[in-house]
Amino acid sequence: MILVYIETRQGKIKKASLETLSEAKRRSAELATEVAAVLAGSGLEELGPDVSAYGAGRVYLVPNPALDSYSAEAHGRVLADLIAEVKPEAVFFSATARGKDLAPRLAARLGVSLASDVTHIAVRDKKLEFTRPIFAGKAFLLFTLKTTPQIATLRPNVFPLEQPGTAAGEVIKKDTVVDEAGIKGRVVELLAEKGGELDVTEAEVIVSGGRGIKAPENFELLKQLSAVIPRSTVGASRAAVDSGWIGHAHQVGQTGKTVSPNLYMAFGISGAIQHLAGMSSSKVIVAVNKDSEAPIFKVADYGIVGDLFEVIPALKDELKKLFE
């Protein structure tokens, strides 16, 4: 069995979790095993059929109010107990902020290995083989895990999302006791950024700016461009964030967020290795920079050597014609 942790927020399933579930379904077919999923928290019963539609033969529902507010300690204990009972061969998480927090804690609790930020999974000799970038994306490591269960976090926007089916999986409620007194930390409040912009890890298109933007008010140009493109949002390099031009939630890179959108547009970003590590797995990369020798051009599929303040308005006008 491959068990998938389904992440929810405000009663909705995160797209990254459905991508992870889709990949688990594909690999389970090669391993001749089944896929199960776990939903932790109260009021999630109606999500069971949605999870089943993406390939989960069994959905374990843990309807405990103590799990409504995320806590790595509480969720980790519940998952460890469930794993001890159902004994899956592998456990998959999406490599979101929560997945990156929860998976290592669970691996440590179980005393097993972890494959983090996986970008490809294959089945060879009836074993899962994982691929992940190393050395800031300069190379890729192919490896297997000797311990069981095999725990892995899968990078969002990398694994194709399957079309939902009609098969109805079994929903199994698991009653559990959570010692709330033993929980040392929990999420007490979620503060959405003003405007409710799409998170960079979930966007299909990212319009990103760096030091070449020159001033915080010029990020308004990127926001206007993003407003024209469906499922897009604004990203930024560390230099722009450190300068206080835009919030840290927009930062892409080794010290920010790792993204894999269908299209990544880099304006005024030179392409430091730390930034490339966070976006080099994008499907298509477009770079605009005055410096023809900027490292960003080495990874770009399309490059424009020019003034971004001339390119952005022209690009926005053409995209308006395309999407109107």
C-alpha atoms as a PDB file:
ATOM      1  CA  MET A   1       0.000   0.000   0.000  1.00  0.00           C
ATOM      2  CA  ILE A   2       1.044   3.590  -0.675  1.00  0.00           C
ATOM      3  CA  LEU A   3      -0.447   5.956   1.902  1.00  0.00           C
ATOM      4  CA  VAL A   4      -0.890   9.618   0.941  1.00  0.00           C
ATOM      5  CA  TYR A   5      -1.294  12.434   3.445  1.00  0.00           C
ATOM      6  CA  ILE A   6      -3.967  14.823   2.137  1.00  0.00           C
ATOM      7  CA  GLU A   7      -3.405  18.418   3.159  1.00  0.00           C
ATOM      8  CA  THR A   8      -6.446  20.634   3.581  1.00  0.00           C
ATOM      9  CA  ARG A   9      -6.912  24.294   4.315  1.00  0.00           C
ATOM     10  CA  GLN A  10     -10.216  25.890   5.255  1.00  0.00           C
ATOM     11  CA  GLY A  11     -12.074  22.729   4.280  1.00  0.00           C
ATOM     12  CA  LYS A  12     -10.504  22.450   0.812  1.00  0.00           C
ATOM     13  CA  ILE A  13      -7.960  19.967  -0.510  1.00  0.00           C
ATOM     14  CA  LYS A  14      -4.625  21.428  -1.598  1.00  0.00           C
ATOM     15  CA  LYS A  15      -3.941  20.822  -5.289  1.00  0.00           C
ATOM     16  CA  ALA A  16      -0.428  19.625  -4.464  1.00  0.00           C
ATOM     17  CA  SER A  17      -1.902  16.755  -2.431  1.00  0.00           C
ATOM     18  CA  LEU A  18      -4.027  15.646  -5.381  1.00  0.00           C
ATOM     19  CA  GLU A  19      -0.905  15.681  -7.567  1.00  0.00           C
ATOM     20  CA  THR A  20       0.826  13.492  -4.993  1.00  0.00           C
ATOM     21  CA  LEU A  21      -2.168  11.158  -4.898  1.00  0.00           C
ATOM     22  CA  SER A  22      -2.178  10.962  -8.704  1.00  0.00           C
ATOM     23  CA  GLU A  23       1.487   9.926  -8.727  1.00  0.00           C
ATOM     24  CA  ALA A  24       0.867   7.355  -6.007  1.00  0.00           C
ATOM     25  CA  LYS A  25      -1.899   5.861  -8.146  1.00  0.00           C
ATOM     26  CA  ARG A  26       0.404   5.605 -11.173  1.00  0.00           C
ATOM     27  CA  ARG A  27       3.198   3.936  -9.205  1.00  0.00           C
ATOM     28  CA  SER A  28       0.815   1.616  -7.355  1.00  0.00           C
ATOM     29  CA  ALA A  29      -0.328   0.194 -10.691  1.00  0.00           C
ATOM     30  CA  GLU A  30       3.281  -0.785 -11.460  1.00  0.00           C
ATOM     31  CA  LEU A  31       3.766  -2.256  -7.999  1.00  0.00           C
ATOM     32  CA  ALA A  32       0.448  -4.118  -8.077  1.00  0.00           C
ATOM     33  CA  THR A  33      -0.555  -2.577  -4.777  1.00  0.00           C
ATOM     34  CA  GLU A  34      -3.277  -0.229  -3.575  1.00  0.00           C
ATOM     35  CA  VAL A  35      -3.440   3.446  -2.653  1.00  0.00           C
ATOM     36  CA  ALA A  36      -4.918   4.838   0.536  1.00  0.00           C
ATOM     37  CA  ALA A  37      -5.203   8.386   1.811  1.00  0.00           C
ATOM     38  CA  VAL A  38      -5.594  10.032   5.190  1.00  0.00           C
ATOM     39  CA  LEU A  39      -7.646  13.112   6.077  1.00  0.00           C
ATOM     40  CA  ALA A  40      -6.987  14.501   9.560  1.00  0.00           C
ATOM     41  CA  GLY A  41      -9.403  16.952  11.155  1.00  0.00           C
ATOM     42  CA  SER A  42     -13.092  17.436  11.842  1.00  0.00           C
ATOM     43  CA  GLY A  43     -15.733  18.299   9.240  1.00  0.00           C
ATOM     44  CA  LEU A  44     -13.863  16.656   6.355  1.00  0.00           C
ATOM     45  CA  GLU A  45     -16.310  13.805   5.698  1.00  0.00           C
ATOM     46  CA  GLU A  46     -17.595  15.331   2.476  1.00  0.00           C
ATOM     47  CA  LEU A  47     -14.043  15.358   1.053  1.00  0.00           C
ATOM     48  CA  GLY A  48     -13.807  11.561   1.168  1.00  0.00           C
ATOM     49  CA  PRO A  49     -15.458  11.009  -2.251  1.00  0.00           C
ATOM     50  CA  ASP A  50     -13.249  13.703  -3.818  1.00  0.00           C
ATOM     51  CA  VAL A  51     -10.135  11.935  -2.578  1.00  0.00           C
ATOM     52  CA  SER A  52     -11.466   8.584  -3.808  1.00  0.00           C
ATOM     53  CA  ALA A  53     -12.059  10.054  -7.254  1.00  0.00           C
ATOM     54  CA  TYR A  54      -8.313  10.648  -7.622  1.00  0.00           C
ATOM     55  CA  GLY A  55      -7.427   7.046  -6.966  1.00  0.00           C
ATOM     56  CA  ALA A  56      -7.588   6.291  -3.251  1.00  0.00           C
ATOM     57  CA  GLY A  57      -9.138   2.873  -2.719  1.00  0.00           C
ATOM     58  CA  ARG A  58      -9.430   3.605   0.989  1.00  0.00           C
ATOM     59  CA  VAL A  59      -9.705   6.954   2.747  1.00  0.00           C
ATOM     60  CA  TYR A  60      -8.841   6.997   6.439  1.00  0.00           C
ATOM     61  CA  LEU A  61     -10.741   9.802   8.122  1.00  0.00           C
ATOM     62  CA  VAL A  62      -9.504  10.962  11.526  1.00  0.00           C
ATOM     63  CA  PRO A  63     -12.247  13.396  12.656  1.00  0.00           C
ATOM     64  CA  ASN A  64     -10.602  14.813  15.763  1.00  0.00           C
ATOM     65  CA  PRO A  65     -11.080  18.554  16.446  1.00  0.00           C
ATOM     66  CA  ALA A  66      -7.601  18.665  17.982  1.00  0.00           C
ATOM     67  CA  LEU A  67      -6.244  18.123  14.448  1.00  0.00           C
ATOM     68  CA  ASP A  68      -8.109  21.068  12.894  1.00  0.00           C
ATOM     69  CA  SER A  69      -5.271  23.425  13.721  1.00  0.00           C
ATOM     70  CA  TYR A  70      -2.038  22.053  12.276  1.00  0.00           C
ATOM     71  CA  SER A  71       0.517  20.731  14.714  1.00  0.00           C
ATOM     72  CA  ALA A  72       3.450  18.619  13.578  1.00  0.00           C
ATOM     73  CA  GLU A  73       3.409  16.825  16.930  1.00  0.00           C
ATOM     74  CA  ALA A  74      -0.285  15.931  16.836  1.00  0.00           C
ATOM     75  CA  HIS A  75      -0.434  15.019  13.142  1.00  0.00           C
ATOM     76  CA  GLY A  76       2.827  13.106  13.426  1.00  0.00           C
ATOM     77  CA  ARG A  77       1.551  10.985  16.311  1.00  0.00           C
ATOM     78  CA  VAL A  78      -1.726  10.218  14.548  1.00  0.00           C
ATOM     79  CA  LEU A  79       0.070   9.234  11.345  1.00  0.00           C
ATOM     80  CA  ALA A  80       2.559   7.073  13.228  1.00  0.00           C
ATOM     81  CA  ASP A  81      -0.305   5.198  14.909  1.00  0.00           C
ATOM     82  CA  LEU A  82      -2.111   4.712  11.600  1.00  0.00           C
ATOM     83  CA  ILE A  83       1.063   3.492   9.885  1.00  0.00           C
ATOM     84  CA  ALA A  84       1.640   0.987  12.683  1.00  0.00           C
ATOM     85  CA  GLU A  85      -1.870  -0.356  12.075  1.00  0.00           C
ATOM     86  CA  VAL A  86      -2.129  -0.453   8.262  1.00  0.00           C
ATOM     87  CA  LYS A  87       1.607  -1.025   7.549  1.00  0.00           C
ATOM     88  CA  PRO A  88       2.032   0.765   4.178  1.00  0.00           C
ATOM     89  CA  GLU A  89       5.133   0.153   2.065  1.00  0.00           C
ATOM     90  CA  ALA A  90       5.399   3.903   1.334  1.00  0.00           C
ATOM     91  CA  VAL A  91       4.002   7.200   2.597  1.00  0.00           C
ATOM     92  CA  PHE A  92       3.837  10.220   0.272  1.00  0.00           C
ATOM     93  CA  PHE A  93       3.489  13.892   1.181  1.00  0.00           C
ATOM     94  CA  SER A  94       3.443  16.955  -1.029  1.00  0.00           C
ATOM     95  CA  ALA A  95       6.566  19.082  -0.511  1.00  0.00           C
ATOM     96  CA  THR A  96       4.621  22.073   0.761  1.00  0.00           C
ATOM     97  CA  ALA A  97       5.597  23.948   3.901  1.00  0.00           C
ATOM     98  CA  ARG A  98       3.486  21.496   5.910  1.00  0.00           C
ATOM     99  CA  GLY A  99       4.781  18.419   4.134  1.00  0.00           C
ATOM    100  CA  LYS A 100       8.388  19.510   4.616  1.00  0.00           C
ATOM    101  CA  ASP A 101       7.672  20.000   8.307  1.00  0.00           C
ATOM    102  CA  LEU A 102       5.680  16.842   8.941  1.00  0.00           C
ATOM    103  CA  ALA A 103       7.475  14.197   6.851  1.00  0.00           C
ATOM    104  CA  PRO A 104      10.915  14.528   8.531  1.00  0.00           C
ATOM    105  CA  ARG A 105       9.312  14.442  11.973  1.00  0.00           C
ATOM    106  CA  LEU A 106       7.425  11.268  11.053  1.00  0.00           C
ATOM    107  CA  ALA A 107      10.554   9.668   9.566  1.00  0.00           C
ATOM    108  CA  ALA A 108      12.490  10.407  12.762  1.00  0.00           C
ATOM    109  CA  ARG A 109       9.687   9.014  14.927  1.00  0.00           C
ATOM    110  CA  LEU A 110       9.604   5.781  12.889  1.00  0.00           C
ATOM    111  CA  GLY A 111      13.383   5.563  12.511  1.00  0.00           C
ATOM    112  CA  VAL A 112      13.252   5.393   8.707  1.00  0.00           C
ATOM    113  CA  SER A 113      14.809   7.273   5.795  1.00  0.00           C
ATOM    114  CA  LEU A 114      13.268  10.186   3.899  1.00  0.00           C
ATOM    115  CA  ALA A 115      13.355  11.161   0.222  1.00  0.00           C
ATOM    116  CA  SER A 116      12.766  14.917   0.175  1.00  0.00           C
ATOM    117  CA  ASP A 117      11.741  17.251  -2.653  1.00  0.00           C
ATOM    118  CA  VAL A 118      11.373  14.403  -5.143  1.00  0.00           C
ATOM    119  CA  THR A 119      10.897  15.380  -8.792  1.00  0.00           C
ATOM    120  CA  HIS A 120      10.551  11.921 -10.356  1.00  0.00           C
ATOM    121  CA  ILE A 121       9.601   8.423  -9.227  1.00  0.00           C
ATOM    122  CA  ALA A 122      10.164   5.210 -11.156  1.00  0.00           C
ATOM    123  CA  VAL A 123       9.629   1.540 -10.379  1.00  0.00           C
ATOM    124  CA  ARG A 124      12.605  -0.733 -11.017  1.00  0.00           C
ATOM    125  CA  ASP A 125      12.731  -4.374  -9.941  1.00  0.00           C
ATOM    126  CA  LYS A 126       9.515  -3.824  -7.981  1.00  0.00           C
ATOM    127  CA  LYS A 127      11.147  -1.051  -5.944  1.00  0.00           C
ATOM    128  CA  LEU A 128      10.544   2.686  -5.896  1.00  0.00           C
ATOM    129  CA  GLU A 129      13.431   4.741  -7.286  1.00  0.00           C
ATOM    130  CA  PHE A 130      13.427   8.432  -6.408  1.00  0.00           C
ATOM    131  CA  THR A 131      15.057  11.391  -8.153  1.00  0.00           C
ATOM    132  CA  ARG A 132      15.796  14.709  -6.471  1.00  0.00           C
ATOM    133  CA  PRO A 133      17.973  17.719  -7.365  1.00  0.00           C
ATOM    134  CA  ILE A 134      21.199  18.212  -5.399  1.00  0.00           C
ATOM    135  CA  PHE A 135      23.940  20.858  -5.252  1.00  0.00           C
ATOM    136  CA  ALA A 136      21.423  23.664  -5.785  1.00  0.00           C
ATOM    137  CA  GLY A 137      19.983  21.959  -8.857  1.00  0.00           C
ATOM    138  CA  LYS A 138      23.316  21.357 -10.615  1.00  0.00           C
ATOM    139  CA  ALA A 139      22.853  17.569 -10.538  1.00  0.00           C
ATOM    140  CA  PHE A 140      20.200  14.941  -9.886  1.00  0.00           C
ATOM    141  CA  LEU A 141      20.441  12.054  -7.453  1.00  0.00           C
ATOM    142  CA  LEU A 142      18.751   8.714  -8.209  1.00  0.00           C
ATOM    143  CA  PHE A 143      18.356   6.500  -5.164  1.00  0.00           C
ATOM    144  CA  THR A 144      16.252   3.924  -3.349  1.00  0.00           C
ATOM    145  CA  LEU A 145      15.362   3.679   0.333  1.00  0.00           C
ATOM    146  CA  LYS A 146      16.188   0.537   2.289  1.00  0.00           C
ATOM    147  CA  THR A 147      13.840   1.221   5.219  1.00  0.00           C
ATOM    148  CA  THR A 148      10.079   0.660   5.374  1.00  0.00           C
ATOM    149  CA  PRO A 149       7.849   2.546   5.072  1.00  0.00           C
ATOM    150  CA  GLN A 150       9.529   4.639   2.398  1.00  0.00           C
ATOM    151  CA  ILE A 151       8.648   8.265   3.155  1.00  0.00           C
ATOM    152  CA  ALA A 152       8.866  10.883   0.414  1.00  0.00           C
ATOM    153  CA  THR A 153       7.841  14.478  -0.230  1.00  0.00           C
ATOM    154  CA  LEU A 154       6.916  15.286  -3.831  1.00  0.00           C
ATOM    155  CA  ARG A 155       7.588  18.718  -5.308  1.00  0.00           C
ATOM    156  CA  PRO A 156       4.349  20.550  -6.250  1.00  0.00           C
ATOM    157  CA  ASN A 157       3.545  21.301  -9.903  1.00  0.00           C
ATOM    158  CA  VAL A 158       5.913  18.569 -11.126  1.00  0.00           C
ATOM    159  CA  PHE A 159       3.725  15.467 -11.134  1.00  0.00           C
ATOM    160  CA  PRO A 160       0.731  15.500 -13.532  1.00  0.00           C
ATOM    161  CA  LEU A 161      -2.708  15.750 -12.002  1.00  0.00           C
ATOM    162  CA  GLU A 162      -4.925  12.913 -13.202  1.00  0.00           C
ATOM    163  CA  GLN A 163      -8.517  13.497 -14.225  1.00  0.00           C
ATOM    164  CA  PRO A 164     -10.866  12.407 -11.432  1.00  0.00           C
ATOM    165  CA  GLY A 165     -12.688   9.144 -11.958  1.00  0.00           C
ATOM    166  CA  THR A 166     -16.004   7.825 -10.703  1.00  0.00           C
ATOM    167  CA  ALA A 167     -14.808   4.937  -8.553  1.00  0.00           C
ATOM    168  CA  ALA A 168     -15.983   5.207  -4.944  1.00  0.00           C
ATOM    169  CA  GLY A 169     -13.396   4.195  -2.384  1.00  0.00           C
ATOM    170  CA  GLU A 170     -14.091   3.015   1.130  1.00  0.00           C
ATOM    171  CA  VAL A 171     -14.122   5.743   3.791  1.00  0.00           C
ATOM    172  CA  ILE A 172     -12.939   4.418   7.151  1.00  0.00           C
ATOM    173  CA  LYS A 173     -13.303   6.511  10.284  1.00  0.00           C
ATOM    174  CA  LYS A 174     -10.540   6.130  12.826  1.00  0.00           C
ATOM    175  CA  ASP A 175     -11.224   7.342  16.345  1.00  0.00           C
ATOM    176  CA  THR A 176      -8.114   8.605  18.065  1.00  0.00           C
ATOM    177  CA  VAL A 177      -7.205  10.353  21.275  1.00  0.00           C
ATOM    178  CA  VAL A 178      -4.922  13.363  20.986  1.00  0.00           C
ATOM    179  CA  ASP A 179      -3.156  14.513  24.128  1.00  0.00           C
ATOM    180  CA  GLU A 180      -3.561  18.248  23.635  1.00  0.00           C
ATOM    181  CA  ALA A 181      -1.613  18.979  26.795  1.00  0.00           C
ATOM    182  CA  GLY A 182       1.438  17.402  25.179  1.00  0.00           C
ATOM    183  CA  ILE A 183       1.282  19.592  22.071  1.00  0.00           C
ATOM    184  CA  LYS A 184       3.971  22.249  22.384  1.00  0.00           C
ATOM    185  CA  GLY A 185       3.258  24.154  19.181  1.00  0.00           C
ATOM    186  CA  ARG A 186       0.315  24.660  16.860  1.00  0.00           C
ATOM    187  CA  VAL A 187      -0.944  27.062  14.198  1.00  0.00           C
ATOM    188  CA  VAL A 188      -3.236  29.536  15.947  1.00  0.00           C
ATOM    189  CA  GLU A 189      -4.082  31.853  13.066  1.00  0.00           C
ATOM    190  CA  LEU A 190      -3.723  32.074   9.296  1.00  0.00           C
ATOM    191  CA  LEU A 191      -3.093  35.568   7.976  1.00  0.00           C
ATOM    192  CA  ALA A 192      -3.832  35.821   4.267  1.00  0.00           C
ATOM    193  CA  GLU A 193      -1.776  38.348   2.369  1.00  0.00           C
ATOM    194  CA  LYS A 194      -3.643  41.454   1.320  1.00  0.00           C
ATOM    195  CA  GLY A 195      -5.454  40.837  -1.938  1.00  0.00           C
ATOM    196  CA  GLY A 196      -5.544  37.064  -1.461  1.00  0.00           C
ATOM    197  CA  GLU A 197      -2.899  36.463  -4.114  1.00  0.00           C
ATOM    198  CA  LEU A 198      -2.197  32.928  -5.282  1.00  0.00           C
ATOM    199  CA  ASP A 199       0.735  31.284  -3.510  1.00  0.00           C
ATOM    200  CA  VAL A 200       3.833  30.940  -5.705  1.00  0.00           C
ATOM    201  CA  THR A 201       3.977  27.179  -5.072  1.00  0.00           C
ATOM    202  CA  GLU A 202       0.495  26.716  -6.553  1.00  0.00           C
ATOM    203  CA  ALA A 203       0.599  29.152  -9.470  1.00  0.00           C
ATOM    204  CA  GLU A 204       0.798  27.859 -13.018  1.00  0.00           C
ATOM    205  CA  VAL A 205       2.549  31.054 -14.134  1.00  0.00           C
ATOM    206  CA  ILE A 206       4.948  33.149 -12.042  1.00  0.00           C
ATOM    207  CA  VAL A 207       5.916  36.694 -12.988  1.00  0.00           C
ATOM    208  CA  SER A 208       9.050  37.310 -10.967  1.00  0.00           C
ATOM    209  CA  GLY A 209      11.182  40.390 -10.338  1.00  0.00           C
ATOM    210  CA  GLY A 210      14.655  41.000  -8.981  1.00  0.00           C
ATOM    211  CA  ARG A 211      17.084  43.814  -8.300  1.00  0.00           C
ATOM    212  CA  GLY A 212      16.593  45.089 -11.851  1.00  0.00           C
ATOM    213  CA  ILE A 213      13.075  46.247 -10.878  1.00  0.00           C
ATOM    214  CA  LYS A 214      14.935  49.110  -9.112  1.00  0.00           C
ATOM    215  CA  ALA A 215      12.173  50.182  -6.681  1.00  0.00           C
ATOM    216  CA  PRO A 216       9.252  48.671  -4.715  1.00  0.00           C
ATOM    217  CA  GLU A 217       6.650  50.658  -6.631  1.00  0.00           C
ATOM    218  CA  ASN A 218       7.800  49.010  -9.858  1.00  0.00           C
ATOM    219  CA  PHE A 219       6.476  45.664  -8.666  1.00  0.00           C
ATOM    220  CA  GLU A 220       3.107  47.140  -9.558  1.00  0.00           C
ATOM    221  CA  LEU A 221       4.106  46.553 -13.210  1.00  0.00           C
ATOM    222  CA  LEU A 222       4.523  42.855 -12.481  1.00  0.00           C
ATOM    223  CA  LYS A 223       1.205  42.729 -10.638  1.00  0.00           C
ATOM    224  CA  GLN A 224      -0.530  44.316 -13.616  1.00  0.00           C
ATOM    225  CA  LEU A 225       1.073  41.772 -15.932  1.00  0.00           C
ATOM    226  CA  SER A 226       0.092  38.910 -13.621  1.00  0.00           C
ATOM    227  CA  ALA A 227      -3.503  40.196 -13.515  1.00  0.00           C
ATOM    228  CA  VAL A 228      -3.771  39.564 -17.258  1.00  0.00           C
ATOM    229  CA  ILE A 229      -2.604  35.929 -17.037  1.00  0.00           C
ATOM    230  CA  PRO A 230      -4.917  33.273 -15.517  1.00  0.00           C
ATOM    231  CA  ARG A 231      -3.592  31.219 -12.578  1.00  0.00           C
ATOM    232  CA  SER A 232      -0.564  33.480 -12.196  1.00  0.00           C
ATOM    233  CA  THR A 233       1.094  35.325  -9.336  1.00  0.00           C
ATOM    234  CA  VAL A 234       4.088  37.533  -8.587  1.00  0.00           C
ATOM    235  CA  GLY A 235       7.409  36.120  -7.396  1.00  0.00           C
ATOM    236  CA  ALA A 236      10.679  37.735  -6.381  1.00  0.00           C
ATOM    237  CA  SER A 237      14.368  37.109  -5.874  1.00  0.00           C
ATOM    238  CA  ARG A 238      16.005  37.269  -2.466  1.00  0.00           C
ATOM    239  CA  ALA A 239      17.612  40.610  -3.358  1.00  0.00           C
ATOM    240  CA  ALA A 240      14.191  42.193  -3.907  1.00  0.00           C
ATOM    241  CA  VAL A 241      12.788  40.708  -0.695  1.00  0.00           C
ATOM    242  CA  ASP A 242      15.823  41.684   1.389  1.00  0.00           C
ATOM    243  CA  SER A 243      15.459  45.227   0.068  1.00  0.00           C
ATOM    244  CA  GLY A 244      11.938  45.306   1.470  1.00  0.00           C
ATOM    245  CA  TRP A 245      10.327  45.759  -1.935  1.00  0.00           C
ATOM    246  CA  ILE A 246       7.937  42.820  -1.549  1.00  0.00           C
ATOM    247  CA  GLY A 247       6.976  40.290   1.134  1.00  0.00           C
ATOM    248  CA  HIS A 248       8.922  37.105   1.898  1.00  0.00           C
ATOM    249  CA  ALA A 249       5.933  34.996   0.822  1.00  0.00           C
ATOM    250  CA  HIS A 250       6.865  35.860  -2.778  1.00  0.00           C
ATOM    251  CA  GLN A 251      10.516  34.811  -2.505  1.00  0.00           C
ATOM    252  CA  VAL A 252      11.644  32.067  -4.860  1.00  0.00           C
ATOM    253  CA  GLY A 253      14.928  30.295  -4.273  1.00  0.00           C
ATOM    254  CA  GLN A 254      16.973  28.188  -1.903  1.00  0.00           C
ATOM    255  CA  THR A 255      16.068  30.383   1.071  1.00  0.00           C
ATOM    256  CA  GLY A 256      12.535  30.990  -0.201  1.00  0.00           C
ATOM    257  CA  LYS A 257      10.117  28.663  -1.952  1.00  0.00           C
ATOM    258  CA  THR A 258      10.820  26.007  -4.553  1.00  0.00           C
ATOM    259  CA  VAL A 259       8.470  26.316  -7.524  1.00  0.00           C
ATOM    260  CA  SER A 260       7.756  24.389 -10.723  1.00  0.00           C
ATOM    261  CA  PRO A 261       5.182  26.413 -12.696  1.00  0.00           C
ATOM    262  CA  ASN A 262       4.315  25.843 -16.328  1.00  0.00           C
ATOM    263  CA  LEU A 263       5.837  29.256 -17.092  1.00  0.00           C
ATOM    264  CA  TYR A 264       8.378  31.267 -15.090  1.00  0.00           C
ATOM    265  CA  MET A 265       9.037  34.821 -16.254  1.00  0.00           C
ATOM    266  CA  ALA A 266      12.124  36.451 -14.722  1.00  0.00           C
ATOM    267  CA  PHE A 267      12.441  40.226 -15.021  1.00  0.00           C
ATOM    268  CA  GLY A 268      15.637  41.875 -13.829  1.00  0.00           C
ATOM    269  CA  ILE A 269      16.889  38.699 -12.130  1.00  0.00           C
ATOM    270  CA  SER A 270      20.552  37.915 -12.747  1.00  0.00           C
ATOM    271  CA  GLY A 271      20.211  34.253 -11.804  1.00  0.00           C
ATOM    272  CA  ALA A 272      22.271  33.574  -8.688  1.00  0.00           C
ATOM    273  CA  ILE A 273      22.643  29.856  -8.005  1.00  0.00           C
ATOM    274  CA  GLN A 274      20.407  30.135  -4.930  1.00  0.00           C
ATOM    275  CA  HIS A 275      17.584  31.519  -7.079  1.00  0.00           C
ATOM    276  CA  LEU A 276      18.078  28.962  -9.847  1.00  0.00           C
ATOM    277  CA  ALA A 277      17.809  26.167  -7.272  1.00  0.00           C
ATOM    278  CA  GLY A 278      14.246  27.258  -6.540  1.00  0.00           C
ATOM    279  CA  MET A 279      12.909  27.630 -10.083  1.00  0.00           C
ATOM    280  CA  SER A 280      15.057  25.664 -12.551  1.00  0.00           C
ATOM    281  CA  SER A 281      12.489  22.831 -12.718  1.00  0.00           C
ATOM    282  CA  SER A 282       9.898  25.195 -14.269  1.00  0.00           C
ATOM    283  CA  LYS A 283       8.465  23.841 -17.512  1.00  0.00           C
ATOM    284  CA  VAL A 284       9.317  26.983 -19.539  1.00  0.00           C
ATOM    285  CA  ILE A 285      11.579  29.834 -18.409  1.00  0.00           C
ATOM    286  CA  VAL A 286      11.567  33.292 -19.985  1.00  0.00           C
ATOM    287  CA  ALA A 287      14.241  35.782 -18.906  1.00  0.00           C
ATOM    288  CA  VAL A 288      14.469  39.531 -19.521  1.00  0.00           C
ATOM    289  CA  ASN A 289      17.718  41.248 -18.533  1.00  0.00           C
ATOM    290  CA  LYS A 290      19.943  44.030 -19.812  1.00  0.00           C
ATOM    291  CA  ASP A 291      23.051  41.939 -19.186  1.00  0.00           C
ATOM    292  CA  SER A 292      23.523  39.415 -21.986  1.00  0.00           C
ATOM    293  CA  GLU A 293      25.942  37.486 -19.754  1.00  0.00           C
ATOM    294  CA  ALA A 294      23.470  37.068 -16.868  1.00  0.00           C
ATOM    295  CA  PRO A 295      23.463  33.449 -15.567  1.00  0.00           C
ATOM    296  CA  ILE A 296      19.664  33.330 -15.862  1.00  0.00           C
ATOM    297  CA  PHE A 297      20.023  32.985 -19.642  1.00  0.00           C
ATOM    298  CA  LYS A 298      21.818  29.640 -19.201  1.00  0.00           C
ATOM    299  CA  VAL A 299      18.628  28.021 -17.911  1.00  0.00           C
ATOM    300  CA  ALA A 300      16.118  30.099 -19.896  1.00  0.00           C
ATOM    301  CA  ASP A 301      14.185  28.612 -22.801  1.00  0.00           C
ATOM    302  CA  TYR A 302      13.635  32.116 -24.171  1.00  0.00           C
ATOM    303  CA  GLY A 303      15.647  35.232 -23.421  1.00  0.00           C
ATOM    304  CA  ILE A 304      15.313  38.919 -24.162  1.00  0.00           C
ATOM    305  CA  VAL A 305      18.315  41.189 -23.746  1.00  0.00           C
ATOM    306  CA  GLY A 306      16.625  44.506 -23.143  1.00  0.00           C
ATOM    307  CA  ASP A 307      15.033  47.005 -20.802  1.00  0.00           C
ATOM    308  CA  LEU A 308      12.286  45.325 -18.757  1.00  0.00           C
ATOM    309  CA  PHE A 309      10.461  48.660 -18.458  1.00  0.00           C
ATOM    310  CA  GLU A 310       9.991  48.580 -22.236  1.00  0.00           C
ATOM    311  CA  VAL A 311       9.318  44.847 -22.495  1.00  0.00           C
ATOM    312  CA  ILE A 312       6.653  44.544 -19.774  1.00  0.00           C
ATOM    313  CA  PRO A 313       4.151  47.101 -21.210  1.00  0.00           C
ATOM    314  CA  ALA A 314       4.495  45.638 -24.715  1.00  0.00           C
ATOM    315  CA  LEU A 315       4.109  42.098 -23.381  1.00  0.00           C
ATOM    316  CA  LYS A 316       1.072  43.080 -21.329  1.00  0.00           C
ATOM    317  CA  ASP A 317      -0.638  44.600 -24.369  1.00  0.00           C
ATOM    318  CA  GLU A 318      -0.070  41.450 -26.430  1.00  0.00           C
ATOM    319  CA  LEU A 319      -1.275  39.162 -23.647  1.00  0.00           C
ATOM    320  CA  LYS A 320      -4.438  41.223 -23.255  1.00  0.00           C
ATOM    321  CA  LYS A 321      -5.236  40.501 -26.891  1.00  0.00           C
ATOM    322  CA  LEU A 322      -4.618  36.805 -26.276  1.00  0.00           C
ATOM    323  CA  PHE A 323      -6.776  36.407 -23.166  1.00  0.00           C
ATOM    324  CA  GLU A 324      -9.580  38.873 -23.924  1.00  0.00           C
END
